[in-house]
Structures are given as C-alpha cells and as structure tokens.
Amino acid sequence: MVNNRQIKLIAIDMDGTLLNDCHEISMENRKAIQEAEEKGIHVVISTGRTRMSCDELVNSLALHAHLITVNGSEIWDENRTLIERQLLDLQHIEQMWGLKQQHDATCWAATVNKVIREEFPSDLSSHEWMKFGFDIEEDDTRKKILAELQKNKELEVTNSSPTNIEINAAGVNKANALKKVCERLGITMDHVLAMGDSLNDLAMIKEAGIGVAMGNAQPFVKQSADWITATNVENGVAKAIQRWALRSSSQ
C-alpha cells in the first residue's frame, strides 16, 4: 500500500514546484524540507536548471544530499562533486539548430559552461551541450518541431512548461538519475517521494514509490500521479512532505 511506504528520499523539482511564481522558496516549504532532513530523509533537488541557475536557491536550503541538474544530465554528490554528466551529440545539436532556423523559433541551450539564449556560436562544435530547448507560443509550429524531434530515438524529449520543448540525450531523465542516486545510498525507488509539475518530471513521478503532481501541474502529469497536492503558490511541496514523509517517518 502506498500509505504504508516509508519515505527515505524526497525528490523535488524547482520551477512550478518548489518555487512560487516569484521564483522564491516559501518559509513553509523550507520548514518541511528541514524537518525531513532532521528525520534522516535525503532531500534531493531534481531540476531542469543548470548549477549556474540553481545554486543560489539550492544552497539557501543547506541540504546534505545529492543534486540532480539539467533534467538528469548531471548528478552531483552531497559535496557538489560531479558524479556523472551526459552530453548531447553534436549531430543532434545541428539538427535542432536547423529546426530553429527553418521555423524561425525561439531557442536556448545549456552547455557545460553556460546557458545560451539567442547568442549561439557560429561553431557549434566549440561547446559541450547538455540540453537544447525551444519556447514556442504558436501551437502548430511547436507540434511540427515536436513531431520531428520525436522521430529521433537518440533524444529524450520533454517539456518544463506547456509552450516549451526540452531535449536531452536518450535515457537522460530525472528518474534514471534518481535510480543512480538511490543505488549510491542503498535504497530503492519504492522509498522515494517525487514531486513536480511538467513532462520533465513525469518519469520520476511514475517510477517513485509515491509520485505527486502539483495542483498547477500539466493535466497528463496529474493523471499519472498517485496524489495531487496544492499549487506551487499554496505550499504544495510542504503539504506533500507533511502528508507522505513526515507522518510516515514518525509512525
């Protein structure tokens, strides 16, 4: 029974989940995370962000746990030493750059050293690429690009909002990264509580012992979750931790 599962690790997405709409962590969420750590539960931030764009917020939590970044492209240990990094092949970056030009679409990407917006290098081979993204308001254009990308079985295609597309190397997702963290800690995914709001959270929500969708999550994420918590502006993370981790760990 899901209700009787002891939670040993909590995996939390950032944007649309841990963070409110002002990109802040509420005091309620901070308190619940701190209480979970005090009970010996590993609290792992599992984000699509790079270290450059998440460190300040993550460090403010003073966690003693692993960190998953760039949708699982990178895994860091509790001392923030890099354990693993998986890159996109240059040929795939060239394909996506071609789609950007063909459809005049807004794109961005995460490399090992920086987040690139519109200032893409003329020599694409001059960077090590971890993630490529499109942000497309126009539905037809987004569907056309998505259809092309989904033909390529060497890509992992998700999103972090209804208007964007995020691309990592095949097999790179938050669930697979969490499994590797669990192996290092000697626990199983049955004892993981995972929560998020978008398609890049879907794999970990489905494979965790308890998968929680935010109240503001995309519909398919809600359909795939074991439980739906409050929204990211209503301390949904804190409510899920209280419901599934703190109560069960005190029993």
C-alpha atoms as a PDB file:
ATOM      1  CA  MET A   1       0.000   0.000   0.000  1.00  0.00           C
ATOM      2  CA  VAL A   2       1.246   3.463  -0.894  1.00  0.00           C
ATOM      3  CA  ASN A   3       0.098   4.773   2.509  1.00  0.00           C
ATOM      4  CA  ASN A   4       2.449   2.458   4.421  1.00  0.00           C
ATOM      5  CA  ARG A   5       5.571   3.183   2.420  1.00  0.00           C
ATOM      6  CA  GLN A   6       8.449   4.622   4.450  1.00  0.00           C
ATOM      7  CA  ILE A   7       9.976   7.563   2.618  1.00  0.00           C
ATOM      8  CA  LYS A   8      13.771   7.660   2.677  1.00  0.00           C
ATOM      9  CA  LEU A   9      14.345  10.152  -0.155  1.00  0.00           C
ATOM     10  CA  ILE A  10      12.332  13.133  -1.388  1.00  0.00           C
ATOM     11  CA  ALA A  11      12.961  14.390  -4.949  1.00  0.00           C
ATOM     12  CA  ILE A  12      11.699  17.896  -5.658  1.00  0.00           C
ATOM     13  CA  ASP A  13      11.514  19.804  -8.934  1.00  0.00           C
ATOM     14  CA  MET A  14      12.171  23.551  -8.729  1.00  0.00           C
ATOM     15  CA  ASP A  15      10.241  25.729 -11.189  1.00  0.00           C
ATOM     16  CA  GLY A  16       6.492  25.378 -10.780  1.00  0.00           C
ATOM     17  CA  THR A  17       7.034  23.088  -7.791  1.00  0.00           C
ATOM     18  CA  LEU A  18       9.398  24.177  -5.020  1.00  0.00           C
ATOM     19  CA  LEU A  19       9.457  27.786  -6.246  1.00  0.00           C
ATOM     20  CA  ASN A  20       6.483  30.121  -6.218  1.00  0.00           C
ATOM     21  CA  ASP A  21       5.697  32.368  -9.171  1.00  0.00           C
ATOM     22  CA  CYS A  22       8.286  34.900  -7.922  1.00  0.00           C
ATOM     23  CA  HIS A  23      10.943  32.131  -8.062  1.00  0.00           C
ATOM     24  CA  GLU A  24      11.192  32.055  -4.273  1.00  0.00           C
ATOM     25  CA  ILE A  25      11.085  29.219  -1.729  1.00  0.00           C
ATOM     26  CA  SER A  26       8.359  29.801   0.846  1.00  0.00           C
ATOM     27  CA  MET A  27       9.053  29.547   4.559  1.00  0.00           C
ATOM     28  CA  GLU A  28       6.547  26.683   4.761  1.00  0.00           C
ATOM     29  CA  ASN A  29       8.434  24.693   2.126  1.00  0.00           C
ATOM     30  CA  ARG A  30      11.761  25.434   3.816  1.00  0.00           C
ATOM     31  CA  LYS A  31      10.438  24.274   7.190  1.00  0.00           C
ATOM     32  CA  ALA A  32       9.069  20.990   5.812  1.00  0.00           C
ATOM     33  CA  ILE A  33      12.339  20.251   3.999  1.00  0.00           C
ATOM     34  CA  GLN A  34      14.331  20.970   7.142  1.00  0.00           C
ATOM     35  CA  GLU A  35      12.096  18.684   9.209  1.00  0.00           C
ATOM     36  CA  ALA A  36      12.519  15.911   6.646  1.00  0.00           C
ATOM     37  CA  GLU A  37      16.310  16.224   6.768  1.00  0.00           C
ATOM     38  CA  GLU A  38      16.252  16.210  10.561  1.00  0.00           C
ATOM     39  CA  LYS A  39      14.418  12.866  10.383  1.00  0.00           C
ATOM     40  CA  GLY A  40      17.200  11.440   8.216  1.00  0.00           C
ATOM     41  CA  ILE A  41      15.372  11.692   4.892  1.00  0.00           C
ATOM     42  CA  HIS A  42      17.516  12.624   1.878  1.00  0.00           C
ATOM     43  CA  VAL A  43      16.100  15.695   0.128  1.00  0.00           C
ATOM     44  CA  VAL A  44      17.284  15.818  -3.481  1.00  0.00           C
ATOM     45  CA  ILE A  45      16.546  18.806  -5.685  1.00  0.00           C
ATOM     46  CA  SER A  46      15.907  17.430  -9.174  1.00  0.00           C
ATOM     47  CA  THR A  47      15.754  20.266 -11.672  1.00  0.00           C
ATOM     48  CA  GLY A  48      15.996  21.131 -15.331  1.00  0.00           C
ATOM     49  CA  ARG A  49      18.194  24.067 -14.341  1.00  0.00           C
ATOM     50  CA  THR A  50      21.972  24.126 -14.550  1.00  0.00           C
ATOM     51  CA  ARG A  51      24.183  24.600 -11.493  1.00  0.00           C
ATOM     52  CA  MET A  52      24.688  28.213 -12.578  1.00  0.00           C
ATOM     53  CA  SER A  53      20.988  28.986 -12.370  1.00  0.00           C
ATOM     54  CA  CYS A  54      20.042  26.885  -9.339  1.00  0.00           C
ATOM     55  CA  ASP A  55      22.984  27.090  -6.930  1.00  0.00           C
ATOM     56  CA  GLU A  56      21.936  30.199  -5.027  1.00  0.00           C
ATOM     57  CA  LEU A  57      18.474  28.815  -4.270  1.00  0.00           C
ATOM     58  CA  VAL A  58      19.670  25.278  -3.551  1.00  0.00           C
ATOM     59  CA  ASN A  59      22.480  26.476  -1.300  1.00  0.00           C
ATOM     60  CA  SER A  60      19.991  28.537   0.706  1.00  0.00           C
ATOM     61  CA  LEU A  61      18.398  25.244   1.827  1.00  0.00           C
ATOM     62  CA  ALA A  62      21.723  23.986   3.251  1.00  0.00           C
ATOM     63  CA  LEU A  63      20.933  20.423   2.182  1.00  0.00           C
ATOM     64  CA  HIS A  64      23.191  17.449   2.840  1.00  0.00           C
ATOM     65  CA  ALA A  65      22.112  15.429  -0.170  1.00  0.00           C
ATOM     66  CA  HIS A  66      22.767  14.759  -3.834  1.00  0.00           C
ATOM     67  CA  LEU A  67      21.694  17.216  -6.527  1.00  0.00           C
ATOM     68  CA  ILE A  68      20.299  16.420  -9.993  1.00  0.00           C
ATOM     69  CA  THR A  69      20.538  19.121 -12.658  1.00  0.00           C
ATOM     70  CA  VAL A  70      19.716  19.631 -16.354  1.00  0.00           C
ATOM     71  CA  ASN A  71      16.898  17.034 -16.246  1.00  0.00           C
ATOM     72  CA  GLY A  72      19.325  14.346 -15.111  1.00  0.00           C
ATOM     73  CA  SER A  73      22.244  15.170 -17.391  1.00  0.00           C
ATOM     74  CA  GLU A  74      24.299  15.879 -14.281  1.00  0.00           C
ATOM     75  CA  ILE A  75      24.421  14.163 -10.895  1.00  0.00           C
ATOM     76  CA  TRP A  76      26.315  15.788  -8.023  1.00  0.00           C
ATOM     77  CA  ASP A  77      27.090  14.255  -4.646  1.00  0.00           C
ATOM     78  CA  GLU A  78      26.420  15.858  -1.272  1.00  0.00           C
ATOM     79  CA  ASN A  79      29.729  17.759  -1.527  1.00  0.00           C
ATOM     80  CA  ARG A  80      28.773  19.003  -5.016  1.00  0.00           C
ATOM     81  CA  THR A  81      31.395  16.872  -6.705  1.00  0.00           C
ATOM     82  CA  LEU A  82      30.294  15.811 -10.192  1.00  0.00           C
ATOM     83  CA  ILE A  83      29.453  12.109 -10.339  1.00  0.00           C
ATOM     84  CA  GLU A  84      28.151  11.876 -13.897  1.00  0.00           C
ATOM     85  CA  ARG A  85      27.461  14.061 -16.908  1.00  0.00           C
ATOM     86  CA  GLN A  86      25.777  13.010 -20.159  1.00  0.00           C
ATOM     87  CA  LEU A  87      26.062  15.149 -23.279  1.00  0.00           C
ATOM     88  CA  LEU A  88      24.116  15.582 -26.498  1.00  0.00           C
ATOM     89  CA  ASP A  89      25.934  14.582 -29.686  1.00  0.00           C
ATOM     90  CA  LEU A  90      26.884  17.433 -31.981  1.00  0.00           C
ATOM     91  CA  GLN A  91      24.826  15.971 -34.846  1.00  0.00           C
ATOM     92  CA  HIS A  92      21.678  16.355 -32.737  1.00  0.00           C
ATOM     93  CA  ILE A  93      22.516  19.945 -31.871  1.00  0.00           C
ATOM     94  CA  GLU A  94      22.937  20.621 -35.578  1.00  0.00           C
ATOM     95  CA  GLN A  95      19.526  19.049 -36.266  1.00  0.00           C
ATOM     96  CA  MET A  96      17.858  21.241 -33.642  1.00  0.00           C
ATOM     97  CA  TRP A  97      19.638  24.355 -34.835  1.00  0.00           C
ATOM     98  CA  GLY A  98      18.342  23.565 -38.311  1.00  0.00           C
ATOM     99  CA  LEU A  99      14.769  23.284 -36.991  1.00  0.00           C
ATOM    100  CA  LYS A 100      15.191  26.611 -35.227  1.00  0.00           C
ATOM    101  CA  GLN A 101      16.219  28.290 -38.472  1.00  0.00           C
ATOM    102  CA  GLN A 102      13.580  26.509 -40.556  1.00  0.00           C
ATOM    103  CA  HIS A 103      10.729  27.631 -38.287  1.00  0.00           C
ATOM    104  CA  ASP A 104      12.261  30.898 -37.020  1.00  0.00           C
ATOM    105  CA  ALA A 105      11.707  29.589 -33.492  1.00  0.00           C
ATOM    106  CA  THR A 106      12.987  30.897 -30.180  1.00  0.00           C
ATOM    107  CA  CYS A 107      15.527  28.510 -28.710  1.00  0.00           C
ATOM    108  CA  TRP A 108      18.073  28.192 -25.916  1.00  0.00           C
ATOM    109  CA  ALA A 109      20.533  25.615 -24.700  1.00  0.00           C
ATOM    110  CA  ALA A 110      22.584  24.527 -21.714  1.00  0.00           C
ATOM    111  CA  THR A 111      26.256  23.749 -22.209  1.00  0.00           C
ATOM    112  CA  VAL A 112      28.762  22.647 -19.611  1.00  0.00           C
ATOM    113  CA  ASN A 113      29.859  26.251 -19.087  1.00  0.00           C
ATOM    114  CA  LYS A 114      26.859  28.464 -19.773  1.00  0.00           C
ATOM    115  CA  VAL A 115      23.219  28.870 -20.711  1.00  0.00           C
ATOM    116  CA  ILE A 116      22.941  30.152 -24.269  1.00  0.00           C
ATOM    117  CA  ARG A 117      19.892  32.101 -25.378  1.00  0.00           C
ATOM    118  CA  GLU A 118      19.963  33.749 -28.806  1.00  0.00           C
ATOM    119  CA  GLU A 119      23.716  34.322 -28.909  1.00  0.00           C
ATOM    120  CA  PHE A 120      24.508  30.897 -30.378  1.00  0.00           C
ATOM    121  CA  PRO A 121      28.113  30.336 -31.501  1.00  0.00           C
ATOM    122  CA  SER A 122      28.875  30.114 -35.204  1.00  0.00           C
ATOM    123  CA  ASP A 123      30.892  26.976 -34.455  1.00  0.00           C
ATOM    124  CA  LEU A 124      28.514  24.610 -32.657  1.00  0.00           C
ATOM    125  CA  SER A 125      31.370  22.173 -32.026  1.00  0.00           C
ATOM    126  CA  SER A 126      33.057  24.699 -29.731  1.00  0.00           C
ATOM    127  CA  HIS A 127      30.775  23.718 -26.817  1.00  0.00           C
ATOM    128  CA  GLU A 128      29.774  20.614 -24.869  1.00  0.00           C
ATOM    129  CA  TRP A 129      25.969  20.525 -24.990  1.00  0.00           C
ATOM    130  CA  MET A 130      23.706  19.033 -22.312  1.00  0.00           C
ATOM    131  CA  LYS A 131      20.237  20.300 -23.218  1.00  0.00           C
ATOM    132  CA  PHE A 132      18.530  22.149 -26.059  1.00  0.00           C
ATOM    133  CA  GLY A 133      15.195  23.905 -25.710  1.00  0.00           C
ATOM    134  CA  PHE A 134      12.502  25.637 -27.743  1.00  0.00           C
ATOM    135  CA  ASP A 135       9.930  28.090 -26.412  1.00  0.00           C
ATOM    136  CA  ILE A 136       7.112  28.380 -28.943  1.00  0.00           C
ATOM    137  CA  GLU A 137       3.770  30.027 -28.252  1.00  0.00           C
ATOM    138  CA  GLU A 138       2.315  29.049 -31.646  1.00  0.00           C
ATOM    139  CA  ASP A 139       0.783  25.575 -31.344  1.00  0.00           C
ATOM    140  CA  ASP A 140       1.173  24.425 -34.957  1.00  0.00           C
ATOM    141  CA  THR A 141       4.858  25.317 -35.118  1.00  0.00           C
ATOM    142  CA  ARG A 142       5.561  23.659 -31.779  1.00  0.00           C
ATOM    143  CA  LYS A 143       3.753  20.486 -32.889  1.00  0.00           C
ATOM    144  CA  LYS A 144       5.742  20.342 -36.143  1.00  0.00           C
ATOM    145  CA  ILE A 145       9.075  20.662 -34.340  1.00  0.00           C
ATOM    146  CA  LEU A 146       7.991  18.175 -31.680  1.00  0.00           C
ATOM    147  CA  ALA A 147       6.998  15.623 -34.328  1.00  0.00           C
ATOM    148  CA  GLU A 148      10.410  15.893 -35.993  1.00  0.00           C
ATOM    149  CA  LEU A 149      12.265  15.516 -32.718  1.00  0.00           C
ATOM    150  CA  GLN A 150      10.209  12.520 -31.613  1.00  0.00           C
ATOM    151  CA  LYS A 151      11.301  10.632 -34.731  1.00  0.00           C
ATOM    152  CA  ASN A 152      14.853  10.644 -33.376  1.00  0.00           C
ATOM    153  CA  LYS A 153      15.193   7.746 -30.918  1.00  0.00           C
ATOM    154  CA  GLU A 154      18.524   9.105 -29.662  1.00  0.00           C
ATOM    155  CA  LEU A 155      16.748  12.011 -27.979  1.00  0.00           C
ATOM    156  CA  GLU A 156      14.758  12.362 -24.739  1.00  0.00           C
ATOM    157  CA  VAL A 157      12.024  14.917 -25.460  1.00  0.00           C
ATOM    158  CA  THR A 158      10.020  16.516 -22.629  1.00  0.00           C
ATOM    159  CA  ASN A 159       8.982  19.992 -21.501  1.00  0.00           C
ATOM    160  CA  SER A 160       9.045  22.224 -18.429  1.00  0.00           C
ATOM    161  CA  SER A 161       6.025  24.310 -19.475  1.00  0.00           C
ATOM    162  CA  PRO A 162       3.184  23.823 -21.977  1.00  0.00           C
ATOM    163  CA  THR A 163       4.829  26.100 -24.551  1.00  0.00           C
ATOM    164  CA  ASN A 164       8.339  24.703 -24.493  1.00  0.00           C
ATOM    165  CA  ILE A 165      10.221  21.614 -25.645  1.00  0.00           C
ATOM    166  CA  GLU A 166      13.281  20.306 -23.818  1.00  0.00           C
ATOM    167  CA  ILE A 167      15.718  17.854 -25.377  1.00  0.00           C
ATOM    168  CA  ASN A 168      18.364  15.731 -23.680  1.00  0.00           C
ATOM    169  CA  ALA A 169      20.251  12.648 -24.800  1.00  0.00           C
ATOM    170  CA  ALA A 170      18.138   9.478 -24.855  1.00  0.00           C
ATOM    171  CA  GLY A 171      17.876   7.920 -21.420  1.00  0.00           C
ATOM    172  CA  VAL A 172      18.591  11.182 -19.640  1.00  0.00           C
ATOM    173  CA  ASN A 173      15.710  11.878 -17.309  1.00  0.00           C
ATOM    174  CA  LYS A 174      15.124  12.564 -13.649  1.00  0.00           C
ATOM    175  CA  ALA A 175      14.001   9.001 -12.907  1.00  0.00           C
ATOM    176  CA  ASN A 176      17.181   7.402 -14.221  1.00  0.00           C
ATOM    177  CA  ALA A 177      19.295   9.918 -12.330  1.00  0.00           C
ATOM    178  CA  LEU A 178      17.342   9.214  -9.142  1.00  0.00           C
ATOM    179  CA  LYS A 179      17.880   5.475  -9.548  1.00  0.00           C
ATOM    180  CA  LYS A 180      21.633   6.088  -9.623  1.00  0.00           C
ATOM    181  CA  VAL A 181      21.420   8.241  -6.512  1.00  0.00           C
ATOM    182  CA  CYS A 182      19.362   5.557  -4.785  1.00  0.00           C
ATOM    183  CA  GLU A 183      21.948   2.895  -5.677  1.00  0.00           C
ATOM    184  CA  ARG A 184      24.665   5.026  -4.094  1.00  0.00           C
ATOM    185  CA  LEU A 185      22.571   5.400  -0.941  1.00  0.00           C
ATOM    186  CA  GLY A 186      21.492   1.767  -0.752  1.00  0.00           C
ATOM    187  CA  ILE A 187      17.780   2.440  -1.096  1.00  0.00           C
ATOM    188  CA  THR A 188      15.177   1.649  -3.752  1.00  0.00           C
ATOM    189  CA  MET A 189      12.758   3.793  -5.716  1.00  0.00           C
ATOM    190  CA  ASP A 190       9.924   2.273  -3.653  1.00  0.00           C
ATOM    191  CA  HIS A 191      11.023   4.557  -0.827  1.00  0.00           C
ATOM    192  CA  VAL A 192      11.148   7.736  -2.925  1.00  0.00           C
ATOM    193  CA  LEU A 193       8.618  10.570  -2.832  1.00  0.00           C
ATOM    194  CA  ALA A 194       8.905  12.592  -6.075  1.00  0.00           C
ATOM    195  CA  MET A 195       7.002  15.722  -6.984  1.00  0.00           C
ATOM    196  CA  GLY A 196       6.798  18.003  -9.996  1.00  0.00           C
ATOM    197  CA  ASP A 197       4.569  19.797 -12.471  1.00  0.00           C
ATOM    198  CA  SER A 198       5.772  19.157 -16.039  1.00  0.00           C
ATOM    199  CA  LEU A 199       6.674  16.428 -18.510  1.00  0.00           C
ATOM    200  CA  ASN A 200      10.331  16.503 -17.482  1.00  0.00           C
ATOM    201  CA  ASP A 201       9.101  15.355 -14.035  1.00  0.00           C
ATOM    202  CA  LEU A 202       6.856  12.610 -15.386  1.00  0.00           C
ATOM    203  CA  ALA A 203       9.367   9.756 -15.361  1.00  0.00           C
ATOM    204  CA  MET A 204      10.337  10.258 -11.719  1.00  0.00           C
ATOM    205  CA  ILE A 205       6.711  10.745 -10.655  1.00  0.00           C
ATOM    206  CA  LYS A 206       5.718   7.472 -12.324  1.00  0.00           C
ATOM    207  CA  GLU A 207       8.685   5.447 -11.050  1.00  0.00           C
ATOM    208  CA  ALA A 208       8.833   6.747  -7.484  1.00  0.00           C
ATOM    209  CA  GLY A 209       7.124   4.861  -4.688  1.00  0.00           C
ATOM    210  CA  ILE A 210       4.882   7.888  -4.310  1.00  0.00           C
ATOM    211  CA  GLY A 211       4.547  10.289  -7.232  1.00  0.00           C
ATOM    212  CA  VAL A 212       2.975  13.663  -6.503  1.00  0.00           C
ATOM    213  CA  ALA A 213       1.742  16.203  -9.041  1.00  0.00           C
ATOM    214  CA  MET A 214       1.403  19.848  -8.129  1.00  0.00           C
ATOM    215  CA  GLY A 215      -2.026  21.444  -8.217  1.00  0.00           C
ATOM    216  CA  ASN A 216      -0.699  23.561 -11.094  1.00  0.00           C
ATOM    217  CA  ALA A 217       0.759  20.565 -12.962  1.00  0.00           C
ATOM    218  CA  GLN A 218       0.052  19.791 -16.600  1.00  0.00           C
ATOM    219  CA  PRO A 219      -3.006  17.507 -16.977  1.00  0.00           C
ATOM    220  CA  PHE A 220      -1.097  14.393 -18.073  1.00  0.00           C
ATOM    221  CA  VAL A 221       1.234  14.707 -15.083  1.00  0.00           C
ATOM    222  CA  LYS A 222      -1.776  14.820 -12.759  1.00  0.00           C
ATOM    223  CA  GLN A 223      -3.253  11.747 -14.436  1.00  0.00           C
ATOM    224  CA  SER A 224      -0.021   9.818 -13.876  1.00  0.00           C
ATOM    225  CA  ALA A 225       0.487  10.759 -10.215  1.00  0.00           C
ATOM    226  CA  ASP A 226      -0.502   8.879  -7.069  1.00  0.00           C
ATOM    227  CA  TRP A 227      -1.624  12.092  -5.407  1.00  0.00           C
ATOM    228  CA  ILE A 228      -2.185  15.753  -6.280  1.00  0.00           C
ATOM    229  CA  THR A 229      -1.024  18.375  -3.813  1.00  0.00           C
ATOM    230  CA  ALA A 230      -1.697  22.111  -3.659  1.00  0.00           C
ATOM    231  CA  THR A 231      -0.162  24.512  -6.187  1.00  0.00           C
ATOM    232  CA  ASN A 232       3.325  25.981  -6.080  1.00  0.00           C
ATOM    233  CA  VAL A 233       1.917  29.209  -4.617  1.00  0.00           C
ATOM    234  CA  GLU A 234      -0.008  27.307  -1.919  1.00  0.00           C
ATOM    235  CA  ASN A 235       2.972  25.475  -0.389  1.00  0.00           C
ATOM    236  CA  GLY A 236       2.164  22.263  -2.218  1.00  0.00           C
ATOM    237  CA  VAL A 237       5.642  20.858  -1.545  1.00  0.00           C
ATOM    238  CA  ALA A 238       5.270  21.327   2.202  1.00  0.00           C
ATOM    239  CA  LYS A 239       1.816  19.717   2.161  1.00  0.00           C
ATOM    240  CA  ALA A 240       3.129  16.666   0.281  1.00  0.00           C
ATOM    241  CA  ILE A 241       6.102  16.271   2.617  1.00  0.00           C
ATOM    242  CA  GLN A 242       3.826  16.506   5.651  1.00  0.00           C
ATOM    243  CA  ARG A 243       1.329  14.043   4.186  1.00  0.00           C
ATOM    244  CA  TRP A 244       3.676  11.379   2.852  1.00  0.00           C
ATOM    245  CA  ALA A 245       7.073  11.699   4.543  1.00  0.00           C
ATOM    246  CA  LEU A 246       6.834  13.268   7.972  1.00  0.00           C
ATOM    247  CA  ARG A 247       3.750  11.371   9.120  1.00  0.00           C
ATOM    248  CA  SER A 248       5.002   8.031   7.835  1.00  0.00           C
ATOM    249  CA  SER A 249       8.508   8.527   9.241  1.00  0.00           C
ATOM    250  CA  SER A 250       7.087   9.209  12.695  1.00  0.00           C
ATOM    251  CA  GLN A 251       4.930   6.093  12.758  1.00  0.00           C
END
